[in-house]
Protein backbone atom coordinates (compact mmCIF):
# COMPACT_ATOMS: atom_id res chain seq x y z
CA MET A 1 -53.50 -23.45 72.86
CA ASN A 2 -52.37 -24.61 76.38
CA ILE A 3 -50.14 -27.52 75.00
CA LEU A 4 -48.56 -24.84 72.65
CA ILE A 5 -47.77 -22.56 75.51
CA GLU A 6 -46.35 -25.35 77.72
CA SER A 7 -44.24 -26.53 74.79
CA LEU A 8 -42.76 -23.16 74.30
CA GLY A 9 -41.69 -23.20 77.97
CA TRP A 10 -40.10 -26.48 77.53
CA ILE A 11 -38.31 -25.52 74.48
CA ALA A 12 -37.22 -22.34 76.15
CA SER A 13 -35.77 -24.27 79.12
CA VAL A 14 -33.82 -26.63 76.89
CA LEU A 15 -32.47 -23.79 74.69
CA ILE A 16 -31.27 -21.50 77.62
CA VAL A 17 -30.09 -24.20 79.90
CA GLY A 18 -28.63 -26.30 77.00
CA SER A 19 -26.58 -23.32 75.68
CA TYR A 20 -25.46 -22.53 79.27
CA ALA A 21 -24.33 -26.01 79.80
CA LEU A 22 -22.42 -25.95 76.33
CA ASN A 23 -21.03 -22.74 77.37
CA ILE A 24 -19.60 -23.71 80.66
CA THR A 25 -18.27 -26.97 79.24
CA GLY A 26 -16.29 -24.97 76.68
CA ARG A 27 -18.27 -26.35 73.82
CA LEU A 28 -20.00 -23.06 72.87
CA GLN A 29 -18.58 -19.56 73.33
CA ALA A 30 -20.71 -16.91 74.86
CA GLU A 31 -19.83 -14.74 71.88
CA SER A 32 -21.15 -17.47 69.53
CA LYS A 33 -24.02 -16.40 67.51
CA TRP A 34 -25.68 -19.79 68.23
CA TYR A 35 -25.28 -19.06 71.82
CA ILE A 36 -26.81 -15.70 71.45
CA LEU A 37 -29.74 -16.93 69.20
CA ALA A 38 -30.53 -19.71 71.55
CA ASN A 39 -31.03 -17.00 74.40
CA ILE A 40 -33.09 -14.72 72.22
CA ILE A 41 -35.40 -17.56 71.01
CA GLY A 42 -35.45 -19.23 74.61
CA GLY A 43 -36.03 -15.76 76.28
CA PHE A 44 -38.79 -14.97 73.77
CA PHE A 45 -40.59 -18.20 74.34
CA PHE A 46 -40.28 -17.69 78.06
CA VAL A 47 -41.94 -14.16 77.94
CA ILE A 48 -44.84 -15.87 76.07
CA ASN A 49 -45.18 -18.70 78.58
CA THR A 50 -44.78 -16.44 81.68
CA TYR A 51 -47.19 -13.97 80.30
CA PHE A 52 -49.81 -16.72 79.77
CA HIS A 53 -49.28 -17.90 83.22
CA GLN A 54 -49.34 -14.22 84.53
CA ALA A 55 -45.91 -14.58 86.04
CA TYR A 56 -45.13 -10.95 85.32
CA PRO A 57 -41.77 -10.65 87.25
CA SER A 58 -40.28 -13.62 85.33
CA MET A 59 -41.77 -12.17 82.17
CA VAL A 60 -39.92 -8.88 82.71
CA VAL A 61 -36.59 -10.60 83.47
CA ASN A 62 -36.98 -12.63 80.28
CA PHE A 63 -37.83 -9.62 78.17
CA ILE A 64 -34.57 -7.98 79.54
CA TRP A 65 -32.79 -11.09 78.65
CA VAL A 66 -34.02 -11.05 75.26
CA ILE A 67 -32.95 -7.27 74.70
CA ILE A 68 -29.46 -8.03 76.26
CA ALA A 69 -28.92 -10.90 73.62
CA ILE A 70 -30.23 -8.64 70.79
CA VAL A 71 -27.78 -6.01 71.60
CA MET A 72 -25.00 -8.52 71.71
CA ILE A 73 -26.01 -9.67 68.21
CA ALA A 74 -26.11 -5.92 67.19
CA LYS A 75 -22.67 -5.40 68.40
CA LYS A 76 -21.23 -8.62 66.70
CA LYS A 77 -22.56 -7.37 63.38
CA LYS A 78 -20.54 -4.11 63.79
């Protein structure tokens, strides 16, 4: 179980930092569904990882991060 939680944390890091790097280099727009999905999945994985490590402030920040990304997806569909 521990290796799964740590793996989710590393995957989350790659998704969020990777999508951010692609965004600031102009390769992925912030409005792109791929950018937003990377943030939703990465944020969700961070919520799981930080909950497991009892890092509740980080968990709350990542939960809010996921909510913002979901709202962006919903707006994009309209």
